[in-house]
C-alpha atoms as a PDB file:
ATOM      1  CA  MET A   1       0.720   0.787  18.245  1.00  0.00           C
ATOM      2  CA  ALA A   2      -0.272  -1.161  21.322  1.00  0.00           C
ATOM      3  CA  GLU A   3      -0.617  -4.572  19.684  1.00  0.00           C
ATOM      4  CA  ASP A   4       1.084  -5.896  16.567  1.00  0.00           C
ATOM      5  CA  PRO A   5      -1.600  -7.134  14.128  1.00  0.00           C
ATOM      6  CA  LYS A   6       0.758  -9.617  12.462  1.00  0.00           C
ATOM      7  CA  GLU A   7       1.735 -11.041  15.853  1.00  0.00           C
ATOM      8  CA  LEU A   8      -1.919 -11.345  16.900  1.00  0.00           C
ATOM      9  CA  LEU A   9      -2.825 -13.182  13.697  1.00  0.00           C
ATOM     10  CA  PHE A  10       0.126 -15.573  13.823  1.00  0.00           C
ATOM     11  CA  SER A  11      -0.260 -16.167  17.566  1.00  0.00           C
ATOM     12  CA  PHE A  12      -3.951 -17.019  17.330  1.00  0.00           C
ATOM     13  CA  THR A  13      -3.678 -19.328  14.321  1.00  0.00           C
ATOM     14  CA  GLY A  14      -0.524 -20.981  15.683  1.00  0.00           C
ATOM     15  CA  ASP A  15      -1.900 -21.476  19.162  1.00  0.00           C
ATOM     16  CA  LEU A  16      -5.109 -22.950  17.793  1.00  0.00           C
ATOM     17  CA  GLY A  17      -3.011 -25.411  15.804  1.00  0.00           C
ATOM     18  CA  ALA A  18      -0.992 -26.277  18.912  1.00  0.00           C
ATOM     19  CA  PHE A  19      -4.224 -26.774  20.868  1.00  0.00           C
ATOM     20  CA  GLY A  20      -5.269 -29.323  18.239  1.00  0.00           C
ATOM     21  CA  ALA A  21      -2.031 -31.251  18.689  1.00  0.00           C
ATOM     22  CA  GLY A  22      -2.842 -32.028  22.347  1.00  0.00           C
ATOM     23  CA  ASN A  23      -4.864 -35.213  21.830  1.00  0.00           C
ATOM     24  CA  ASP A  24      -7.512 -36.703  19.540  1.00  0.00           C
ATOM     25  CA  VAL A  25     -10.406 -34.876  21.218  1.00  0.00           C
ATOM     26  CA  GLN A  26      -8.619 -31.519  21.036  1.00  0.00           C
ATOM     27  CA  ALA A  27      -7.637 -32.230  17.427  1.00  0.00           C
ATOM     28  CA  ALA A  28     -11.286 -32.830  16.527  1.00  0.00           C
ATOM     29  CA  GLN A  29     -12.387 -29.692  18.383  1.00  0.00           C
ATOM     30  CA  ALA A  30      -9.683 -27.565  16.764  1.00  0.00           C
ATOM     31  CA  GLY A  31     -10.677 -28.960  13.365  1.00  0.00           C
ATOM     32  CA  VAL A  32     -14.272 -27.856  13.865  1.00  0.00           C
ATOM     33  CA  ILE A  33     -13.142 -24.384  14.924  1.00  0.00           C
ATOM     34  CA  MET A  34     -10.772 -24.109  11.960  1.00  0.00           C
ATOM     35  CA  ASP A  35     -13.581 -25.123   9.600  1.00  0.00           C
ATOM     36  CA  LEU A  36     -15.776 -22.421  11.093  1.00  0.00           C
ATOM     37  CA  LEU A  37     -13.025 -19.811  10.836  1.00  0.00           C
ATOM     38  CA  GLY A  38     -11.967 -20.893   7.386  1.00  0.00           C
ATOM     39  CA  LYS A  39     -14.079 -22.260   4.645  1.00  0.00           C
ATOM     40  CA  THR A  40     -17.308 -23.597   6.160  1.00  0.00           C
ATOM     41  CA  ILE A  41     -18.950 -20.428   7.447  1.00  0.00           C
ATOM     42  CA  TYR A  42     -17.230 -17.885   5.232  1.00  0.00           C
ATOM     43  CA  GLU A  43     -17.816 -19.530   1.857  1.00  0.00           C
ATOM     44  CA  GLY A  44     -20.112 -17.602  -0.403  1.00  0.00           C
ATOM     45  CA  SER A  45     -23.697 -18.776  -0.527  1.00  0.00           C
ATOM     46  CA  ILE A  46     -26.781 -16.596  -0.233  1.00  0.00           C
ATOM     47  CA  VAL A  47     -24.533 -14.029   1.469  1.00  0.00           C
ATOM     48  CA  ASP A  48     -21.132 -13.638  -0.175  1.00  0.00           C
ATOM     49  CA  ALA A  49     -17.857 -14.173   1.695  1.00  0.00           C
ATOM     50  CA  LYS A  50     -16.949 -10.469   1.701  1.00  0.00           C
ATOM     51  CA  THR A  51     -20.213  -9.508   3.392  1.00  0.00           C
ATOM     52  CA  LYS A  52     -19.782 -12.281   5.961  1.00  0.00           C
ATOM     53  CA  GLU A  53     -16.279 -11.041   6.785  1.00  0.00           C
ATOM     54  CA  LEU A  54     -17.528  -7.461   7.096  1.00  0.00           C
ATOM     55  CA  VAL A  55     -20.171  -8.645   9.563  1.00  0.00           C
ATOM     56  CA  ALA A  56     -17.418 -10.507  11.444  1.00  0.00           C
ATOM     57  CA  VAL A  57     -15.308  -7.326  11.551  1.00  0.00           C
ATOM     58  CA  GLY A  58     -18.253  -5.475  13.088  1.00  0.00           C
ATOM     59  CA  VAL A  59     -18.874  -8.177  15.693  1.00  0.00           C
ATOM     60  CA  SER A  60     -15.140  -8.312  16.469  1.00  0.00           C
ATOM     61  CA  VAL A  61     -14.970  -4.566  17.048  1.00  0.00           C
ATOM     62  CA  TYR A  62     -18.167  -4.617  19.099  1.00  0.00           C
ATOM     63  CA  SER A  63     -16.763  -7.495  21.192  1.00  0.00           C
ATOM     64  CA  ARG A  64     -13.367  -5.769  21.492  1.00  0.00           C
ATOM     65  CA  CYS A  65     -11.488  -8.989  20.693  1.00  0.00           C
ATOM     66  CA  PRO A  66      -8.005  -8.135  19.369  1.00  0.00           C
ATOM     67  CA  TYR A  67      -7.473 -11.619  17.909  1.00  0.00           C
ATOM     68  CA  CYS A  68     -10.854 -11.533  16.161  1.00  0.00           C
ATOM     69  CA  ILE A  69     -10.192  -8.049  14.794  1.00  0.00           C
ATOM     70  CA  ALA A  70      -6.873  -9.216  13.339  1.00  0.00           C
ATOM     71  CA  LEU A  71      -8.349 -12.426  11.909  1.00  0.00           C
ATOM     72  CA  HIS A  72     -11.419 -10.844  10.350  1.00  0.00           C
ATOM     73  CA  SER A  73      -9.732  -7.720   9.005  1.00  0.00           C
ATOM     74  CA  PHE A  74      -7.331 -10.128   7.251  1.00  0.00           C
ATOM     75  CA  GLY A  75     -10.289 -12.215   6.080  1.00  0.00           C
ATOM     76  CA  ALA A  76     -12.196  -9.187   4.813  1.00  0.00           C
ATOM     77  CA  LEU A  77      -9.194  -8.018   2.792  1.00  0.00           C
ATOM     78  CA  GLU A  78      -8.764 -11.559   1.415  1.00  0.00           C
ATOM     79  CA  ALA A  79     -12.443 -11.581   0.427  1.00  0.00           C
ATOM     80  CA  GLY A  80     -11.976  -8.366  -1.544  1.00  0.00           C
ATOM     81  CA  ALA A  81     -13.204  -5.739   0.910  1.00  0.00           C
ATOM     82  CA  SER A  82     -11.641  -2.300   0.673  1.00  0.00           C
ATOM     83  CA  LYS A  83     -10.230  -0.374   3.605  1.00  0.00           C
ATOM     84  CA  GLU A  84     -13.231   1.940   3.389  1.00  0.00           C
ATOM     85  CA  GLU A  85     -15.732  -0.949   3.518  1.00  0.00           C
ATOM     86  CA  ILE A  86     -13.998  -2.436   6.551  1.00  0.00           C
ATOM     87  CA  LEU A  87     -13.979   0.896   8.372  1.00  0.00           C
ATOM     88  CA  GLN A  88     -17.660   1.450   7.541  1.00  0.00           C
ATOM     89  CA  ALA A  89     -18.507  -1.957   9.015  1.00  0.00           C
ATOM     90  CA  SER A  90     -16.637  -0.966  12.153  1.00  0.00           C
ATOM     91  CA  MET A  91     -18.555   2.301  12.381  1.00  0.00           C
ATOM     92  CA  VAL A  92     -21.867   0.427  12.376  1.00  0.00           C
ATOM     93  CA  ALA A  93     -20.529  -1.639  15.286  1.00  0.00           C
ATOM     94  CA  SER A  94     -19.322   1.548  16.954  1.00  0.00           C
ATOM     95  CA  ALA A  95     -22.804   3.052  16.748  1.00  0.00           C
ATOM     96  CA  LEU A  96     -23.990   0.157  18.900  1.00  0.00           C
ATOM     97  CA  GLY A  97     -20.837  -0.435  20.939  1.00  0.00           C
ATOM     98  CA  GLY A  98     -20.010   3.149  21.857  1.00  0.00           C
ATOM     99  CA  GLY A  99     -16.622   4.481  22.890  1.00  0.00           C
ATOM    100  CA  PRO A 100     -14.786   1.171  23.338  1.00  0.00           C
ATOM    101  CA  ALA A 101     -15.788  -0.017  19.854  1.00  0.00           C
ATOM    102  CA  ILE A 102     -14.751   3.330  18.365  1.00  0.00           C
ATOM    103  CA  ALA A 103     -11.393   3.077  20.151  1.00  0.00           C
ATOM    104  CA  TYR A 104     -10.709  -0.364  18.658  1.00  0.00           C
ATOM    105  CA  SER A 105     -11.816   0.847  15.208  1.00  0.00           C
ATOM    106  CA  VAL A 106      -9.519   3.861  15.075  1.00  0.00           C
ATOM    107  CA  THR A 107      -6.524   2.058  16.570  1.00  0.00           C
ATOM    108  CA  LEU A 108      -6.191  -1.708  16.214  1.00  0.00           C
ATOM    109  CA  LEU A 109      -8.487  -2.176  13.216  1.00  0.00           C
ATOM    110  CA  LYS A 110      -6.777   0.653  11.338  1.00  0.00           C
ATOM    111  CA  ASP A 111      -3.369  -0.848  12.220  1.00  0.00           C
ATOM    112  CA  CYS A 112      -4.489  -4.294  11.031  1.00  0.00           C
ATOM    113  CA  ILE A 113      -5.571  -2.977   7.647  1.00  0.00           C
ATOM    114  CA  GLU A 114      -2.348  -1.021   7.213  1.00  0.00           C
ATOM    115  CA  THR A 115      -0.234  -4.022   8.265  1.00  0.00           C
ATOM    116  CA  PHE A 116      -2.000  -6.571   6.084  1.00  0.00           C
ATOM    117  CA  GLN A 117      -1.892  -4.236   3.076  1.00  0.00           C
ATOM    118  CA  GLY A 118       1.678  -3.107   3.760  1.00  0.00           C
ATOM    119  CA  GLY A 119       5.104  -4.428   2.936  1.00  0.00           C
ATOM    120  CA  SER A 120       5.755  -5.959   6.360  1.00  0.00           C
ATOM    121  CA  PHE A 121       3.078  -8.601   5.691  1.00  0.00           C
ATOM    122  CA  THR A 122       4.631 -10.667   2.938  1.00  0.00           C
ATOM    123  CA  GLU A 123       3.083 -13.074   0.462  1.00  0.00           C
ATOM    124  CA  ASP A 124       4.706 -15.870   2.475  1.00  0.00           C
ATOM    125  CA  ASP A 125       2.940 -14.568   5.603  1.00  0.00           C
ATOM    126  CA  ARG A 126      -0.355 -14.466   3.727  1.00  0.00           C
ATOM    127  CA  MET A 127       0.020 -18.009   2.428  1.00  0.00           C
ATOM    128  CA  GLU A 128       0.996 -19.333   5.857  1.00  0.00           C
ATOM    129  CA  ILE A 129      -2.143 -17.867   7.441  1.00  0.00           C
ATOM    130  CA  LEU A 130      -4.312 -19.230   4.637  1.00  0.00           C
ATOM    131  CA  ARG A 131      -2.667 -22.634   5.100  1.00  0.00           C
ATOM    132  CA  ARG A 132      -3.328 -22.565   8.849  1.00  0.00           C
ATOM    133  CA  LEU A 133      -6.966 -21.711   8.170  1.00  0.00           C
ATOM    134  CA  GLY A 134      -7.256 -24.554   5.651  1.00  0.00           C
ATOM    135  CA  MET A 135      -7.801 -22.133   2.799  1.00  0.00           C
ATOM    136  CA  ALA A 136      -4.610 -22.751   0.801  1.00  0.00           C
END
């Protein structure tokens, strides 16, 4: 595995929190970003939270952003998506994104799902990420 999904997820959410601790302006900016990543955009409305996270997985794979792939594969699982649904979303992105998107789908995305569903990602880990995202 080239990149550790748990490390990517903790690094991104921790670094965003640290960015917000810089000064009042950065704190306000980080708060807006955290609202977008957490509850504001991904709450269910006309489109449910699971579907929104599956779209985000597809965009993440298409964009080839390791941090986004880790964040949104976690979010999709939290929203109730199955491994198969997440991989199908990535295949739609791969149809548009070609070889690089396929490469991220069959490597990092697969590793993220396995990590976040596996024993190395504890309930304490899960709750810490949800806390950082303002969802716990």
